[in-house]
Amino acid sequence: MRKGVLEVALVHRPRYDDWSWAKGKLDPGEDWATAAVRETFEETGLEVRLGPPLPEARYLMLTKSGTRGDKVVHYWAATVTGGHGRLENEIDAVEWLDVAEANIRLDYAHDRDQLRALVRAHGEGTLETWPLVVVRHAKSIPRSGWSGDDQQRPLDERGTQRAKDLVPVLTAYGITRLLTSPSVRCLDTIAPYAVQSGHDARSREGLSEEGHEAEPGRAGELVEKLLERGEPSAVCTHGPVMPAVMEVLTARLHLDGGDAVAMLERFVEARDDNLDKGEALVCHVAGVGADARIVAVERHLP
């Protein structure tokens, strides 16, 4: 936004002499959201925080072998948070344009799908959001293989790797507030991001299995407080605690638009399965407090 006017950034690629959105290819093993942030920085020099997902683009392309194949591109709305703005990777110009000028400048019809979605979300008040990420702790040593205090049970090798893999995912959404169960398997799931980002992981007994059993309403209350705060946040907890967390979020669902059905199915599946171990469920929230409503959801699976 500039002086109340919605503006978007388009990039010019001299190789094709076209104007389009910043985009690129996945690195091996890379998450879609992580790639979006990385490619945006590499092409524009701008650091961004991802907002709601936008319509994907699908079209046919020729592979290196000469055969035809589908190309799928995922897009997000994003807010600039920093960066140097130097152009370094296949881009010779970046321009901020209002919607009317962007619609004219874009060279491909499928790129206008994202522009229309941005305009619609802006008009509905669902473009400016903040993320609330629910994380189920990564895979840990099984109870049968641990003789000590269950709260001290650590992650196994796969879980430790997943905790590291979550760092760029949480970074993509600009998470600044971290709440976690005090159990080691939760603390260690969120710890790599806490260390890299410099944000403290605050432990809350109400998010532990033991605390939830003693005080079943506490986890939901903690989530309600985050909704009142409106700060990009992540909550790391356990499968048995998940229903209490998801009950609060279910009441705030306000999904609309072309992908609403798919997002609802995604949310319900995650809720009913208590999330997979190591999963991050991203809820994009518009508004705060009593007005807070979830307008988009994403699942980031291990």
C-alpha atoms as a PDB file:
ATOM      1  CA  MET A   1       0.000   0.000   0.000  1.00  0.00           C
ATOM      2  CA  ARG A   2       1.210   3.488  -0.827  1.00  0.00           C
ATOM      3  CA  LYS A   3      -0.965   6.415   0.266  1.00  0.00           C
ATOM      4  CA  GLY A   4      -3.918   4.051   0.476  1.00  0.00           C
ATOM      5  CA  VAL A   5      -3.404   2.677  -3.045  1.00  0.00           C
ATOM      6  CA  LEU A   6      -2.695  -1.023  -3.587  1.00  0.00           C
ATOM      7  CA  GLU A   7       0.553  -1.530  -5.494  1.00  0.00           C
ATOM      8  CA  VAL A   8       2.297  -4.678  -6.698  1.00  0.00           C
ATOM      9  CA  ALA A   9       5.870  -5.378  -7.796  1.00  0.00           C
ATOM     10  CA  LEU A  10       6.476  -6.767 -11.288  1.00  0.00           C
ATOM     11  CA  VAL A  11       9.818  -7.962 -12.621  1.00  0.00           C
ATOM     12  CA  HIS A  12      11.234  -7.668 -16.137  1.00  0.00           C
ATOM     13  CA  ARG A  13      13.208 -10.592 -17.560  1.00  0.00           C
ATOM     14  CA  PRO A  14      15.492  -9.460 -20.389  1.00  0.00           C
ATOM     15  CA  ARG A  15      15.894 -13.047 -21.615  1.00  0.00           C
ATOM     16  CA  TYR A  16      12.188 -13.135 -22.537  1.00  0.00           C
ATOM     17  CA  ASP A  17      11.529  -9.366 -22.608  1.00  0.00           C
ATOM     18  CA  ASP A  18       8.438  -9.874 -20.449  1.00  0.00           C
ATOM     19  CA  TRP A  19       6.857  -8.526 -17.272  1.00  0.00           C
ATOM     20  CA  SER A  20       5.643 -11.030 -14.698  1.00  0.00           C
ATOM     21  CA  TRP A  21       5.717 -11.958 -11.017  1.00  0.00           C
ATOM     22  CA  ALA A  22       8.937 -12.942  -9.286  1.00  0.00           C
ATOM     23  CA  LYS A  23       9.218 -16.738  -9.361  1.00  0.00           C
ATOM     24  CA  GLY A  24      11.646 -19.609  -9.780  1.00  0.00           C
ATOM     25  CA  LYS A  25      12.345 -23.295  -9.316  1.00  0.00           C
ATOM     26  CA  LEU A  26      12.440 -25.419  -6.176  1.00  0.00           C
ATOM     27  CA  ASP A  27      15.794 -26.498  -4.837  1.00  0.00           C
ATOM     28  CA  PRO A  28      16.004 -30.223  -3.987  1.00  0.00           C
ATOM     29  CA  GLY A  29      13.931 -30.955  -0.889  1.00  0.00           C
ATOM     30  CA  GLU A  30      12.789 -27.328  -0.598  1.00  0.00           C
ATOM     31  CA  ASP A  31       9.344 -26.313   0.671  1.00  0.00           C
ATOM     32  CA  TRP A  32       7.196 -24.233  -1.702  1.00  0.00           C
ATOM     33  CA  ALA A  33       6.911 -21.318   0.717  1.00  0.00           C
ATOM     34  CA  THR A  34      10.649 -21.312   1.385  1.00  0.00           C
ATOM     35  CA  ALA A  35      11.333 -21.219  -2.346  1.00  0.00           C
ATOM     36  CA  ALA A  36       8.945 -18.295  -2.800  1.00  0.00           C
ATOM     37  CA  VAL A  37      10.805 -16.182  -0.260  1.00  0.00           C
ATOM     38  CA  ARG A  38      14.224 -17.193  -1.568  1.00  0.00           C
ATOM     39  CA  GLU A  39      13.381 -16.557  -5.218  1.00  0.00           C
ATOM     40  CA  THR A  40      11.807 -13.199  -4.418  1.00  0.00           C
ATOM     41  CA  PHE A  41      14.997 -12.101  -2.686  1.00  0.00           C
ATOM     42  CA  GLU A  42      17.235 -13.461  -5.432  1.00  0.00           C
ATOM     43  CA  GLU A  43      15.264 -11.673  -8.156  1.00  0.00           C
ATOM     44  CA  THR A  44      14.375  -8.402  -6.440  1.00  0.00           C
ATOM     45  CA  GLY A  45      16.737  -8.052  -3.483  1.00  0.00           C
ATOM     46  CA  LEU A  46      13.681  -7.681  -1.225  1.00  0.00           C
ATOM     47  CA  GLU A  47      12.996  -9.684   1.926  1.00  0.00           C
ATOM     48  CA  VAL A  48       9.326 -10.559   2.341  1.00  0.00           C
ATOM     49  CA  ARG A  49       6.891 -12.142   4.781  1.00  0.00           C
ATOM     50  CA  LEU A  50       4.365 -14.380   3.087  1.00  0.00           C
ATOM     51  CA  GLY A  51       0.671 -13.653   3.406  1.00  0.00           C
ATOM     52  CA  PRO A  52      -2.307 -15.586   2.015  1.00  0.00           C
ATOM     53  CA  PRO A  53      -1.757 -17.964  -0.900  1.00  0.00           C
ATOM     54  CA  LEU A  54      -2.955 -16.837  -4.322  1.00  0.00           C
ATOM     55  CA  PRO A  55      -4.268 -18.916  -7.239  1.00  0.00           C
ATOM     56  CA  GLU A  56      -1.660 -21.233  -8.699  1.00  0.00           C
ATOM     57  CA  ALA A  57      -0.798 -21.250 -12.395  1.00  0.00           C
ATOM     58  CA  ARG A  58      -0.726 -24.424 -14.507  1.00  0.00           C
ATOM     59  CA  TYR A  59       0.385 -24.591 -18.088  1.00  0.00           C
ATOM     60  CA  LEU A  60       2.127 -26.878 -20.559  1.00  0.00           C
ATOM     61  CA  MET A  61       5.823 -26.505 -21.279  1.00  0.00           C
ATOM     62  CA  LEU A  62       8.494 -28.340 -23.211  1.00  0.00           C
ATOM     63  CA  THR A  63      10.956 -30.317 -21.085  1.00  0.00           C
ATOM     64  CA  LYS A  64      14.662 -30.572 -21.871  1.00  0.00           C
ATOM     65  CA  SER A  65      13.979 -33.885 -23.584  1.00  0.00           C
ATOM     66  CA  GLY A  66      11.486 -32.200 -25.911  1.00  0.00           C
ATOM     67  CA  THR A  67       8.353 -33.723 -24.387  1.00  0.00           C
ATOM     68  CA  ARG A  68       5.432 -31.735 -23.035  1.00  0.00           C
ATOM     69  CA  GLY A  69       4.841 -31.535 -19.321  1.00  0.00           C
ATOM     70  CA  ASP A  70       2.744 -29.606 -16.810  1.00  0.00           C
ATOM     71  CA  LYS A  71       4.319 -26.688 -15.019  1.00  0.00           C
ATOM     72  CA  VAL A  72       2.797 -25.636 -11.695  1.00  0.00           C
ATOM     73  CA  VAL A  73       3.630 -22.318 -10.039  1.00  0.00           C
ATOM     74  CA  HIS A  74       2.460 -21.463  -6.503  1.00  0.00           C
ATOM     75  CA  TYR A  75       1.992 -17.820  -5.500  1.00  0.00           C
ATOM     76  CA  TRP A  76       1.491 -15.859  -2.284  1.00  0.00           C
ATOM     77  CA  ALA A  77       0.686 -12.299  -1.406  1.00  0.00           C
ATOM     78  CA  ALA A  78       3.681 -10.937   0.501  1.00  0.00           C
ATOM     79  CA  THR A  79       4.774  -7.865   2.413  1.00  0.00           C
ATOM     80  CA  VAL A  80       8.242  -6.364   2.080  1.00  0.00           C
ATOM     81  CA  THR A  81      10.115  -6.465   5.391  1.00  0.00           C
ATOM     82  CA  GLY A  82      13.640  -5.479   4.305  1.00  0.00           C
ATOM     83  CA  GLY A  83      16.410  -6.157   1.822  1.00  0.00           C
ATOM     84  CA  HIS A  84      18.837  -4.155  -0.293  1.00  0.00           C
ATOM     85  CA  GLY A  85      16.805  -4.073  -3.517  1.00  0.00           C
ATOM     86  CA  ARG A  86      19.757  -4.844  -5.788  1.00  0.00           C
ATOM     87  CA  LEU A  87      18.969  -6.888  -8.901  1.00  0.00           C
ATOM     88  CA  GLU A  88      21.274  -9.863  -9.226  1.00  0.00           C
ATOM     89  CA  ASN A  89      19.549 -12.815 -10.903  1.00  0.00           C
ATOM     90  CA  GLU A  90      18.106 -12.689 -14.454  1.00  0.00           C
ATOM     91  CA  ILE A  91      16.084  -9.533 -13.706  1.00  0.00           C
ATOM     92  CA  ASP A  92      16.956  -6.082 -15.020  1.00  0.00           C
ATOM     93  CA  ALA A  93      14.017  -4.078 -13.609  1.00  0.00           C
ATOM     94  CA  VAL A  94      11.478  -4.125 -10.789  1.00  0.00           C
ATOM     95  CA  GLU A  95       8.558  -1.704 -10.847  1.00  0.00           C
ATOM     96  CA  TRP A  96       5.836  -0.984  -8.290  1.00  0.00           C
ATOM     97  CA  LEU A  97       2.583  -0.359 -10.128  1.00  0.00           C
ATOM     98  CA  ASP A  98      -1.021   0.259  -9.224  1.00  0.00           C
ATOM     99  CA  VAL A  99      -3.532  -2.408 -10.205  1.00  0.00           C
ATOM    100  CA  ALA A 100      -4.625  -0.795 -13.464  1.00  0.00           C
ATOM    101  CA  GLU A 101      -1.080  -0.332 -14.726  1.00  0.00           C
ATOM    102  CA  ALA A 102      -0.035  -3.822 -13.578  1.00  0.00           C
ATOM    103  CA  ASN A 103      -2.960  -5.341 -15.471  1.00  0.00           C
ATOM    104  CA  ILE A 104      -1.730  -3.656 -18.646  1.00  0.00           C
ATOM    105  CA  ARG A 105       1.950  -4.443 -18.094  1.00  0.00           C
ATOM    106  CA  LEU A 106       1.617  -8.173 -17.360  1.00  0.00           C
ATOM    107  CA  ASP A 107       2.459 -10.159 -20.474  1.00  0.00           C
ATOM    108  CA  TYR A 108       0.629 -13.390 -19.639  1.00  0.00           C
ATOM    109  CA  ALA A 109      -3.084 -13.884 -19.091  1.00  0.00           C
ATOM    110  CA  HIS A 110      -2.539 -16.452 -16.329  1.00  0.00           C
ATOM    111  CA  ASP A 111      -0.587 -13.869 -14.308  1.00  0.00           C
ATOM    112  CA  ARG A 112      -3.735 -11.766 -14.086  1.00  0.00           C
ATOM    113  CA  ASP A 113      -5.431 -14.487 -12.010  1.00  0.00           C
ATOM    114  CA  GLN A 114      -3.220 -13.575  -9.063  1.00  0.00           C
ATOM    115  CA  LEU A 115      -3.807  -9.869  -9.618  1.00  0.00           C
ATOM    116  CA  ARG A 116      -7.585 -10.346  -9.582  1.00  0.00           C
ATOM    117  CA  ALA A 117      -7.311 -12.387  -6.377  1.00  0.00           C
ATOM    118  CA  LEU A 118      -5.254  -9.629  -4.752  1.00  0.00           C
ATOM    119  CA  VAL A 119      -7.810  -6.993  -5.694  1.00  0.00           C
ATOM    120  CA  ARG A 120     -10.689  -9.129  -4.407  1.00  0.00           C
ATOM    121  CA  ALA A 121      -8.945  -9.834  -1.095  1.00  0.00           C
ATOM    122  CA  HIS A 122      -8.070  -6.158  -0.694  1.00  0.00           C
ATOM    123  CA  GLY A 123     -11.702  -5.205  -1.204  1.00  0.00           C
ATOM    124  CA  GLU A 124     -12.898  -7.817   1.296  1.00  0.00           C
ATOM    125  CA  GLY A 125     -10.342  -6.824   3.930  1.00  0.00           C
ATOM    126  CA  THR A 126      -8.599 -10.203   3.812  1.00  0.00           C
ATOM    127  CA  LEU A 127      -5.341  -9.216   2.123  1.00  0.00           C
ATOM    128  CA  GLU A 128      -3.560  -7.848   5.185  1.00  0.00           C
ATOM    129  CA  THR A 129      -3.219 -10.831   7.516  1.00  0.00           C
ATOM    130  CA  TRP A 130      -0.929 -12.203  10.189  1.00  0.00           C
ATOM    131  CA  PRO A 131       0.072 -15.875  10.557  1.00  0.00           C
ATOM    132  CA  LEU A 132      -0.813 -18.186  13.426  1.00  0.00           C
ATOM    133  CA  VAL A 133       1.095 -21.443  12.938  1.00  0.00           C
ATOM    134  CA  VAL A 134       0.196 -24.605  14.840  1.00  0.00           C
ATOM    135  CA  VAL A 135       3.067 -27.092  15.046  1.00  0.00           C
ATOM    136  CA  ARG A 136       2.846 -30.637  16.304  1.00  0.00           C
ATOM    137  CA  HIS A 137       6.172 -31.707  17.776  1.00  0.00           C
ATOM    138  CA  ALA A 138       8.410 -33.688  15.446  1.00  0.00           C
ATOM    139  CA  LYS A 139       8.971 -37.431  15.757  1.00  0.00           C
ATOM    140  CA  SER A 140      10.425 -38.434  19.116  1.00  0.00           C
ATOM    141  CA  ILE A 141      11.819 -41.539  20.742  1.00  0.00           C
ATOM    142  CA  PRO A 142       8.807 -43.815  21.427  1.00  0.00           C
ATOM    143  CA  ARG A 143       7.469 -44.094  24.947  1.00  0.00           C
ATOM    144  CA  SER A 144       8.322 -47.798  24.931  1.00  0.00           C
ATOM    145  CA  GLY A 145      11.974 -46.960  24.368  1.00  0.00           C
ATOM    146  CA  TRP A 146      12.225 -44.353  27.133  1.00  0.00           C
ATOM    147  CA  SER A 147      12.386 -45.111  30.851  1.00  0.00           C
ATOM    148  CA  GLY A 148      12.737 -41.585  32.198  1.00  0.00           C
ATOM    149  CA  ASP A 149      10.330 -38.710  32.802  1.00  0.00           C
ATOM    150  CA  ASP A 150       8.074 -38.486  29.734  1.00  0.00           C
ATOM    151  CA  GLN A 151       8.475 -34.702  29.557  1.00  0.00           C
ATOM    152  CA  GLN A 152      12.200 -35.285  29.046  1.00  0.00           C
ATOM    153  CA  ARG A 153      11.710 -37.659  26.099  1.00  0.00           C
ATOM    154  CA  PRO A 154      13.728 -36.234  23.164  1.00  0.00           C
ATOM    155  CA  LEU A 155      13.339 -36.178  19.417  1.00  0.00           C
ATOM    156  CA  ASP A 156      14.757 -39.045  17.395  1.00  0.00           C
ATOM    157  CA  GLU A 157      17.027 -38.542  14.382  1.00  0.00           C
ATOM    158  CA  ARG A 158      14.163 -37.889  11.957  1.00  0.00           C
ATOM    159  CA  GLY A 159      12.554 -35.478  14.384  1.00  0.00           C
ATOM    160  CA  THR A 160      15.780 -33.555  14.845  1.00  0.00           C
ATOM    161  CA  GLN A 161      16.108 -33.133  11.092  1.00  0.00           C
ATOM    162  CA  ARG A 162      12.480 -32.023  10.797  1.00  0.00           C
ATOM    163  CA  ALA A 163      13.072 -29.370  13.462  1.00  0.00           C
ATOM    164  CA  LYS A 164      15.876 -27.965  11.291  1.00  0.00           C
ATOM    165  CA  ASP A 165      13.671 -28.127   8.189  1.00  0.00           C
ATOM    166  CA  LEU A 166      11.006 -26.043   9.945  1.00  0.00           C
ATOM    167  CA  VAL A 167      13.381 -23.093  10.280  1.00  0.00           C
ATOM    168  CA  PRO A 168      12.985 -21.722   6.718  1.00  0.00           C
ATOM    169  CA  VAL A 169       9.246 -22.465   6.784  1.00  0.00           C
ATOM    170  CA  LEU A 170       8.657 -20.386   9.913  1.00  0.00           C
ATOM    171  CA  THR A 171      11.053 -17.759   8.583  1.00  0.00           C
ATOM    172  CA  ALA A 172       8.953 -17.423   5.421  1.00  0.00           C
ATOM    173  CA  TYR A 173       5.989 -16.309   7.530  1.00  0.00           C
ATOM    174  CA  GLY A 174       8.006 -13.979   9.762  1.00  0.00           C
ATOM    175  CA  ILE A 175       7.117 -15.663  13.054  1.00  0.00           C
ATOM    176  CA  THR A 176       8.113 -13.506  16.033  1.00  0.00           C
ATOM    177  CA  ARG A 177       6.245 -15.067  18.970  1.00  0.00           C
ATOM    178  CA  LEU A 178       6.799 -18.684  20.011  1.00  0.00           C
ATOM    179  CA  LEU A 179       4.726 -20.606  22.551  1.00  0.00           C
ATOM    180  CA  THR A 180       5.524 -24.221  23.312  1.00  0.00           C
ATOM    181  CA  SER A 181       4.870 -27.067  25.678  1.00  0.00           C
ATOM    182  CA  PRO A 182       7.738 -27.374  28.178  1.00  0.00           C
ATOM    183  CA  SER A 183       8.242 -31.001  27.130  1.00  0.00           C
ATOM    184  CA  VAL A 184      11.656 -31.523  25.545  1.00  0.00           C
ATOM    185  CA  ARG A 185      10.223 -32.918  22.301  1.00  0.00           C
ATOM    186  CA  CYS A 186       8.284 -29.685  21.764  1.00  0.00           C
ATOM    187  CA  LEU A 187      11.066 -27.385  22.916  1.00  0.00           C
ATOM    188  CA  ASP A 188      13.529 -29.105  20.600  1.00  0.00           C
ATOM    189  CA  THR A 189      11.117 -28.903  17.666  1.00  0.00           C
ATOM    190  CA  ILE A 190      10.964 -25.130  17.898  1.00  0.00           C
ATOM    191  CA  ALA A 191      14.492 -24.485  19.252  1.00  0.00           C
ATOM    192  CA  PRO A 192      16.375 -24.277  15.913  1.00  0.00           C
ATOM    193  CA  TYR A 193      14.057 -21.518  14.722  1.00  0.00           C
ATOM    194  CA  ALA A 194      14.255 -19.726  18.073  1.00  0.00           C
ATOM    195  CA  VAL A 195      18.051 -19.733  17.902  1.00  0.00           C
ATOM    196  CA  GLN A 196      18.251 -18.550  14.299  1.00  0.00           C
ATOM    197  CA  SER A 197      15.547 -15.888  14.607  1.00  0.00           C
ATOM    198  CA  GLY A 198      16.593 -14.609  18.023  1.00  0.00           C
ATOM    199  CA  HIS A 199      13.047 -14.934  19.383  1.00  0.00           C
ATOM    200  CA  ASP A 200      12.577 -16.650  22.734  1.00  0.00           C
ATOM    201  CA  ALA A 201      10.488 -19.808  22.929  1.00  0.00           C
ATOM    202  CA  ARG A 202       8.103 -19.304  25.855  1.00  0.00           C
ATOM    203  CA  SER A 203       7.004 -22.524  27.534  1.00  0.00           C
ATOM    204  CA  ARG A 204       3.431 -22.877  28.779  1.00  0.00           C
ATOM    205  CA  GLU A 205       2.365 -25.811  30.939  1.00  0.00           C
ATOM    206  CA  GLY A 206      -1.142 -25.645  29.471  1.00  0.00           C
ATOM    207  CA  LEU A 207       0.303 -26.827  26.153  1.00  0.00           C
ATOM    208  CA  SER A 208       1.823 -29.976  27.663  1.00  0.00           C
ATOM    209  CA  GLU A 209      -0.032 -33.285  27.859  1.00  0.00           C
ATOM    210  CA  GLU A 210       0.186 -33.240  31.641  1.00  0.00           C
ATOM    211  CA  GLY A 211      -0.948 -29.615  31.924  1.00  0.00           C
ATOM    212  CA  HIS A 212      -3.805 -30.200  29.507  1.00  0.00           C
ATOM    213  CA  GLU A 213      -5.022 -33.187  31.512  1.00  0.00           C
ATOM    214  CA  ALA A 214      -4.982 -31.110  34.701  1.00  0.00           C
ATOM    215  CA  GLU A 215      -6.533 -28.010  33.119  1.00  0.00           C
ATOM    216  CA  PRO A 216      -8.257 -28.875  29.797  1.00  0.00           C
ATOM    217  CA  GLY A 217      -9.333 -25.323  28.962  1.00  0.00           C
ATOM    218  CA  ARG A 218      -5.931 -23.714  29.268  1.00  0.00           C
ATOM    219  CA  ALA A 219      -4.599 -24.493  25.761  1.00  0.00           C
ATOM    220  CA  GLY A 220      -7.620 -22.883  24.137  1.00  0.00           C
ATOM    221  CA  GLU A 221      -7.231 -19.820  26.334  1.00  0.00           C
ATOM    222  CA  LEU A 222      -3.616 -19.436  25.208  1.00  0.00           C
ATOM    223  CA  VAL A 223      -4.690 -19.510  21.567  1.00  0.00           C
ATOM    224  CA  GLU A 224      -7.413 -16.942  22.254  1.00  0.00           C
ATOM    225  CA  LYS A 225      -4.777 -14.645  23.756  1.00  0.00           C
ATOM    226  CA  LEU A 226      -2.695 -14.961  20.600  1.00  0.00           C
ATOM    227  CA  LEU A 227      -5.742 -14.007  18.537  1.00  0.00           C
ATOM    228  CA  GLU A 228      -6.147 -10.932  20.712  1.00  0.00           C
ATOM    229  CA  ARG A 229      -2.470 -10.042  20.308  1.00  0.00           C
ATOM    230  CA  GLY A 230      -2.340 -10.323  16.511  1.00  0.00           C
ATOM    231  CA  GLU A 231       1.403 -10.995  16.285  1.00  0.00           C
ATOM    232  CA  PRO A 232       2.908 -13.558  13.861  1.00  0.00           C
ATOM    233  CA  SER A 233       2.984 -16.577  16.163  1.00  0.00           C
ATOM    234  CA  ALA A 234       3.695 -20.294  16.360  1.00  0.00           C
ATOM    235  CA  VAL A 235       2.327 -22.757  18.938  1.00  0.00           C
ATOM    236  CA  CYS A 236       4.048 -26.110  19.402  1.00  0.00           C
ATOM    237  CA  THR A 237       2.158 -28.806  21.254  1.00  0.00           C
ATOM    238  CA  HIS A 238       1.110 -32.487  21.335  1.00  0.00           C
ATOM    239  CA  GLY A 239      -1.479 -34.649  19.599  1.00  0.00           C
ATOM    240  CA  PRO A 240      -3.705 -35.032  22.689  1.00  0.00           C
ATOM    241  CA  VAL A 241      -3.767 -31.236  23.138  1.00  0.00           C
ATOM    242  CA  MET A 242      -4.539 -30.509  19.498  1.00  0.00           C
ATOM    243  CA  PRO A 243      -8.360 -30.831  19.728  1.00  0.00           C
ATOM    244  CA  ALA A 244      -8.499 -27.972  22.244  1.00  0.00           C
ATOM    245  CA  VAL A 245      -6.348 -25.772  20.004  1.00  0.00           C
ATOM    246  CA  MET A 246      -8.258 -26.644  16.847  1.00  0.00           C
ATOM    247  CA  GLU A 247     -11.639 -26.055  18.481  1.00  0.00           C
ATOM    248  CA  VAL A 248     -10.758 -22.399  18.943  1.00  0.00           C
ATOM    249  CA  LEU A 249      -9.467 -22.092  15.381  1.00  0.00           C
ATOM    250  CA  THR A 250     -12.489 -23.852  13.882  1.00  0.00           C
ATOM    251  CA  ALA A 251     -14.757 -21.198  15.371  1.00  0.00           C
ATOM    252  CA  ARG A 252     -12.733 -18.510  13.549  1.00  0.00           C
ATOM    253  CA  LEU A 253     -12.841 -20.042  10.064  1.00  0.00           C
ATOM    254  CA  HIS A 254     -14.009 -17.602   7.398  1.00  0.00           C
ATOM    255  CA  LEU A 255     -12.816 -19.210   4.174  1.00  0.00           C
ATOM    256  CA  ASP A 256     -14.068 -17.748   0.916  1.00  0.00           C
ATOM    257  CA  GLY A 257     -13.020 -17.460  -2.715  1.00  0.00           C
ATOM    258  CA  GLY A 258     -12.099 -19.974  -5.378  1.00  0.00           C
ATOM    259  CA  ASP A 259      -9.930 -22.209  -3.183  1.00  0.00           C
ATOM    260  CA  ALA A 260     -12.224 -22.118  -0.147  1.00  0.00           C
ATOM    261  CA  VAL A 261     -13.464 -25.703  -0.476  1.00  0.00           C
ATOM    262  CA  ALA A 262      -9.957 -27.108  -0.867  1.00  0.00           C
ATOM    263  CA  MET A 263      -8.689 -25.090   2.096  1.00  0.00           C
ATOM    264  CA  LEU A 264     -11.590 -26.215   4.273  1.00  0.00           C
ATOM    265  CA  GLU A 265     -10.893 -29.834   3.379  1.00  0.00           C
ATOM    266  CA  ARG A 266      -7.224 -29.266   4.183  1.00  0.00           C
ATOM    267  CA  PHE A 267      -8.069 -27.774   7.567  1.00  0.00           C
ATOM    268  CA  VAL A 268     -10.596 -30.474   8.493  1.00  0.00           C
ATOM    269  CA  GLU A 269      -8.205 -33.251   7.535  1.00  0.00           C
ATOM    270  CA  ALA A 270      -5.442 -31.723   9.658  1.00  0.00           C
ATOM    271  CA  ARG A 271      -7.844 -31.170  12.563  1.00  0.00           C
ATOM    272  CA  ASP A 272      -9.264 -34.676  12.482  1.00  0.00           C
ATOM    273  CA  ASP A 273      -5.801 -36.243  12.294  1.00  0.00           C
ATOM    274  CA  ASN A 274      -4.400 -34.002  15.072  1.00  0.00           C
ATOM    275  CA  LEU A 275      -1.771 -32.936  12.476  1.00  0.00           C
ATOM    276  CA  ASP A 276       1.125 -35.153  11.467  1.00  0.00           C
ATOM    277  CA  LYS A 277       4.186 -35.154  13.700  1.00  0.00           C
ATOM    278  CA  GLY A 278       6.390 -32.282  12.597  1.00  0.00           C
ATOM    279  CA  GLU A 279       3.596 -30.620  10.609  1.00  0.00           C
ATOM    280  CA  ALA A 280       3.082 -26.858  10.549  1.00  0.00           C
ATOM    281  CA  LEU A 281      -0.491 -25.698   9.904  1.00  0.00           C
ATOM    282  CA  VAL A 282      -0.437 -22.050   8.829  1.00  0.00           C
ATOM    283  CA  CYS A 283      -3.596 -20.068   9.541  1.00  0.00           C
ATOM    284  CA  HIS A 284      -3.721 -16.622   7.896  1.00  0.00           C
ATOM    285  CA  VAL A 285      -5.715 -14.379  10.221  1.00  0.00           C
ATOM    286  CA  ALA A 286      -7.391 -11.099   9.311  1.00  0.00           C
ATOM    287  CA  GLY A 287      -8.165  -8.840  12.269  1.00  0.00           C
ATOM    288  CA  VAL A 288      -7.551  -9.340  15.970  1.00  0.00           C
ATOM    289  CA  GLY A 289      -9.552 -10.161  19.067  1.00  0.00           C
ATOM    290  CA  ALA A 290     -13.256 -10.710  18.535  1.00  0.00           C
ATOM    291  CA  ASP A 291     -12.853  -9.709  14.865  1.00  0.00           C
ATOM    292  CA  ALA A 292     -10.073 -12.215  14.134  1.00  0.00           C
ATOM    293  CA  ARG A 293     -11.007 -14.631  11.367  1.00  0.00           C
ATOM    294  CA  ILE A 294      -9.000 -17.260   9.513  1.00  0.00           C
ATOM    295  CA  VAL A 295      -9.204 -16.464   5.806  1.00  0.00           C
ATOM    296  CA  ALA A 296      -6.700 -19.017   4.424  1.00  0.00           C
ATOM    297  CA  VAL A 297      -4.909 -22.154   5.610  1.00  0.00           C
ATOM    298  CA  GLU A 298      -1.860 -24.134   4.462  1.00  0.00           C
ATOM    299  CA  ARG A 299      -0.377 -27.457   5.526  1.00  0.00           C
ATOM    300  CA  HIS A 300       3.402 -27.905   5.583  1.00  0.00           C
ATOM    301  CA  LEU A 301       4.025 -31.608   6.030  1.00  0.00           C
ATOM    302  CA  PRO A 302       7.332 -33.288   6.920  1.00  0.00           C
END
